[in-house]
Amino acid sequence: SSGINAEYGEINQEGTIRPEYKTNLLKLANLTLIKFTKDSMVTPRESEWFGFYKPGQDKELMTLQENPALWDEDRLGLRQLSEEGRLEFLAVEGDHLQVPEKVWLDEIIPRLKD
């Protein structure tokens, strides 16, 4: 796999499991994952919410909640964050990192205050 995919694999605990990744994520008060609905840079877009292609192909997708390592085994602590009400998913209309001012004011800044 390419260098960037290998880095994501490491972060997603696909090879060596690094408990400190989970420990560090669980220190967050809240985590909001933002997916850009017309993202032309990230493929698949669902990976912005820790989704990805099902193994062995590049057409059919699986969500974070369908990923045994990330959800069932909770290698990153995302399931725990979700169960504790500290994980949110935000879909933003637009391309990669193009956040309209209204979204900043109404959706993102209020989440930073807690």
C-alpha atoms as a PDB file:
ATOM      1  CA  SER A   1       0.000   0.000   0.000  1.00  0.00           C
ATOM      2  CA  SER A   2       1.063   3.580  -0.445  1.00  0.00           C
ATOM      3  CA  GLY A   3       2.728   5.549   2.331  1.00  0.00           C
ATOM      4  CA  ILE A   4      -0.369   7.529   3.247  1.00  0.00           C
ATOM      5  CA  ASN A   5      -2.551   4.393   3.355  1.00  0.00           C
ATOM      6  CA  ALA A   6       0.042   2.691   5.544  1.00  0.00           C
ATOM      7  CA  GLU A   7      -0.075   5.632   7.948  1.00  0.00           C
ATOM      8  CA  TYR A   8      -3.873   5.415   8.160  1.00  0.00           C
ATOM      9  CA  GLY A   9      -3.567   1.686   8.741  1.00  0.00           C
ATOM     10  CA  GLU A  10      -1.255   2.340  11.662  1.00  0.00           C
ATOM     11  CA  ILE A  11      -3.583   4.967  13.122  1.00  0.00           C
ATOM     12  CA  ASN A  12      -6.542   2.592  12.684  1.00  0.00           C
ATOM     13  CA  GLN A  13      -4.630  -0.137  14.578  1.00  0.00           C
ATOM     14  CA  GLU A  14      -4.576  -2.504  11.589  1.00  0.00           C
ATOM     15  CA  GLY A  15      -1.089  -3.836  12.283  1.00  0.00           C
ATOM     16  CA  THR A  16       0.641  -3.324  15.576  1.00  0.00           C
ATOM     17  CA  ILE A  17      -1.869  -2.353  18.236  1.00  0.00           C
ATOM     18  CA  ARG A  18      -0.730   0.722  20.126  1.00  0.00           C
ATOM     19  CA  PRO A  19      -2.751   1.101  23.340  1.00  0.00           C
ATOM     20  CA  GLU A  20      -1.546   4.695  23.748  1.00  0.00           C
ATOM     21  CA  TYR A  21      -3.671   5.733  20.731  1.00  0.00           C
ATOM     22  CA  LYS A  22      -6.816   4.625  22.558  1.00  0.00           C
ATOM     23  CA  THR A  23      -5.621   6.105  25.854  1.00  0.00           C
ATOM     24  CA  ASN A  24      -5.004   9.458  24.196  1.00  0.00           C
ATOM     25  CA  LEU A  25      -8.323   9.549  22.300  1.00  0.00           C
ATOM     26  CA  LEU A  26     -10.213   8.735  25.490  1.00  0.00           C
ATOM     27  CA  LYS A  27      -8.703  11.843  27.102  1.00  0.00           C
ATOM     28  CA  LEU A  28     -10.850  13.982  24.788  1.00  0.00           C
ATOM     29  CA  ALA A  29     -13.948  15.568  26.270  1.00  0.00           C
ATOM     30  CA  ASN A  30     -15.687  15.149  22.897  1.00  0.00           C
ATOM     31  CA  LEU A  31     -14.785  14.106  19.365  1.00  0.00           C
ATOM     32  CA  THR A  32     -16.683  15.388  16.340  1.00  0.00           C
ATOM     33  CA  LEU A  33     -15.896  13.656  13.053  1.00  0.00           C
ATOM     34  CA  ILE A  34     -16.675  15.804  10.025  1.00  0.00           C
ATOM     35  CA  LYS A  35     -17.480  14.327   6.623  1.00  0.00           C
ATOM     36  CA  PHE A  36     -17.671  16.611   3.594  1.00  0.00           C
ATOM     37  CA  THR A  37     -20.505  15.378   1.384  1.00  0.00           C
ATOM     38  CA  LYS A  38     -18.827  16.429  -1.872  1.00  0.00           C
ATOM     39  CA  ASP A  39     -15.232  15.776  -0.855  1.00  0.00           C
ATOM     40  CA  SER A  40     -13.068  15.394  -3.953  1.00  0.00           C
ATOM     41  CA  MET A  41      -9.846  14.675  -2.035  1.00  0.00           C
ATOM     42  CA  VAL A  42     -10.664  11.887   0.447  1.00  0.00           C
ATOM     43  CA  THR A  43     -11.635   8.491  -0.962  1.00  0.00           C
ATOM     44  CA  PRO A  44     -13.872   7.031   0.198  1.00  0.00           C
ATOM     45  CA  ARG A  45     -15.598   9.960   1.878  1.00  0.00           C
ATOM     46  CA  GLU A  46     -16.853   7.579   4.562  1.00  0.00           C
ATOM     47  CA  SER A  47     -13.291   7.283   5.871  1.00  0.00           C
ATOM     48  CA  GLU A  48     -13.762  10.755   7.356  1.00  0.00           C
ATOM     49  CA  TRP A  49     -16.079   8.927   9.799  1.00  0.00           C
ATOM     50  CA  PHE A  50     -13.729   5.893  10.065  1.00  0.00           C
ATOM     51  CA  GLY A  51     -15.711   3.953   7.469  1.00  0.00           C
ATOM     52  CA  PHE A  52     -13.891   2.220   4.650  1.00  0.00           C
ATOM     53  CA  TYR A  53     -14.178  -0.349   1.878  1.00  0.00           C
ATOM     54  CA  LYS A  54     -15.057  -3.873   2.903  1.00  0.00           C
ATOM     55  CA  PRO A  55     -11.940  -6.084   2.726  1.00  0.00           C
ATOM     56  CA  GLY A  56     -10.701  -7.287  -0.650  1.00  0.00           C
ATOM     57  CA  GLN A  57     -12.432  -4.786  -2.935  1.00  0.00           C
ATOM     58  CA  ASP A  58     -13.024  -1.077  -3.526  1.00  0.00           C
ATOM     59  CA  LYS A  59     -16.760  -0.759  -4.192  1.00  0.00           C
ATOM     60  CA  GLU A  60     -18.774  -1.850  -1.154  1.00  0.00           C
ATOM     61  CA  LEU A  61     -18.398   0.243   1.990  1.00  0.00           C
ATOM     62  CA  MET A  62     -18.638  -0.519   5.673  1.00  0.00           C
ATOM     63  CA  THR A  63     -19.294   1.951   8.443  1.00  0.00           C
ATOM     64  CA  LEU A  64     -17.240   2.388  11.581  1.00  0.00           C
ATOM     65  CA  GLN A  65     -19.870   0.359  13.430  1.00  0.00           C
ATOM     66  CA  GLU A  66     -19.405  -2.537  10.978  1.00  0.00           C
ATOM     67  CA  ASN A  67     -15.610  -2.640  11.456  1.00  0.00           C
ATOM     68  CA  PRO A  68     -14.744  -5.445  13.897  1.00  0.00           C
ATOM     69  CA  ALA A  69     -11.350  -4.024  14.919  1.00  0.00           C
ATOM     70  CA  LEU A  70     -12.425  -0.432  15.382  1.00  0.00           C
ATOM     71  CA  TRP A  71     -15.907  -1.037  16.826  1.00  0.00           C
ATOM     72  CA  ASP A  72     -16.228  -4.533  18.311  1.00  0.00           C
ATOM     73  CA  GLU A  73     -12.660  -4.653  19.677  1.00  0.00           C
ATOM     74  CA  ASP A  74     -12.727  -0.852  20.187  1.00  0.00           C
ATOM     75  CA  ARG A  75      -9.019  -0.517  19.437  1.00  0.00           C
ATOM     76  CA  LEU A  76      -9.198   3.298  19.297  1.00  0.00           C
ATOM     77  CA  GLY A  77     -11.852   3.891  21.950  1.00  0.00           C
ATOM     78  CA  LEU A  78     -14.397   5.188  19.432  1.00  0.00           C
ATOM     79  CA  ARG A  79     -17.137   2.841  20.653  1.00  0.00           C
ATOM     80  CA  GLN A  80     -16.489   3.878  24.236  1.00  0.00           C
ATOM     81  CA  LEU A  81     -16.630   7.566  23.260  1.00  0.00           C
ATOM     82  CA  SER A  82     -19.920   6.880  21.472  1.00  0.00           C
ATOM     83  CA  GLU A  83     -21.424   4.960  24.390  1.00  0.00           C
ATOM     84  CA  GLU A  84     -20.480   7.825  26.698  1.00  0.00           C
ATOM     85  CA  GLY A  85     -22.078  10.403  24.368  1.00  0.00           C
ATOM     86  CA  ARG A  86     -18.706  11.930  23.447  1.00  0.00           C
ATOM     87  CA  LEU A  87     -18.590  10.963  19.737  1.00  0.00           C
ATOM     88  CA  GLU A  88     -20.519  12.939  17.143  1.00  0.00           C
ATOM     89  CA  PHE A  89     -20.772  12.690  13.382  1.00  0.00           C
ATOM     90  CA  LEU A  90     -21.262  15.904  11.411  1.00  0.00           C
ATOM     91  CA  ALA A  91     -21.934  15.964   7.662  1.00  0.00           C
ATOM     92  CA  VAL A  92     -21.011  19.254   5.991  1.00  0.00           C
ATOM     93  CA  GLU A  93     -22.285  20.055   2.516  1.00  0.00           C
ATOM     94  CA  GLY A  94     -19.315  20.837   0.297  1.00  0.00           C
ATOM     95  CA  ASP A  95     -15.810  19.895  -0.759  1.00  0.00           C
ATOM     96  CA  HIS A  96     -12.757  19.065   1.359  1.00  0.00           C
ATOM     97  CA  LEU A  97     -12.336  21.440   4.318  1.00  0.00           C
ATOM     98  CA  GLN A  98     -14.706  23.999   2.771  1.00  0.00           C
ATOM     99  CA  VAL A  99     -16.692  24.902   5.880  1.00  0.00           C
ATOM    100  CA  PRO A 100     -19.269  27.670   5.431  1.00  0.00           C
ATOM    101  CA  GLU A 101     -19.248  30.367   8.101  1.00  0.00           C
ATOM    102  CA  LYS A 102     -22.775  29.370   9.227  1.00  0.00           C
ATOM    103  CA  VAL A 103     -21.570  25.819   9.915  1.00  0.00           C
ATOM    104  CA  TRP A 104     -18.639  27.168  11.949  1.00  0.00           C
ATOM    105  CA  LEU A 105     -20.935  29.388  13.979  1.00  0.00           C
ATOM    106  CA  ASP A 106     -23.877  27.001  14.393  1.00  0.00           C
ATOM    107  CA  GLU A 107     -22.278  23.541  14.429  1.00  0.00           C
ATOM    108  CA  ILE A 108     -18.565  23.634  15.248  1.00  0.00           C
ATOM    109  CA  ILE A 109     -17.879  26.491  17.676  1.00  0.00           C
ATOM    110  CA  PRO A 110     -20.647  25.419  20.100  1.00  0.00           C
ATOM    111  CA  ARG A 111     -19.037  21.950  20.300  1.00  0.00           C
ATOM    112  CA  LEU A 112     -15.711  23.529  21.308  1.00  0.00           C
ATOM    113  CA  LYS A 113     -17.172  25.203  24.369  1.00  0.00           C
ATOM    114  CA  ASP A 114     -17.847  22.021  26.357  1.00  0.00           C
END
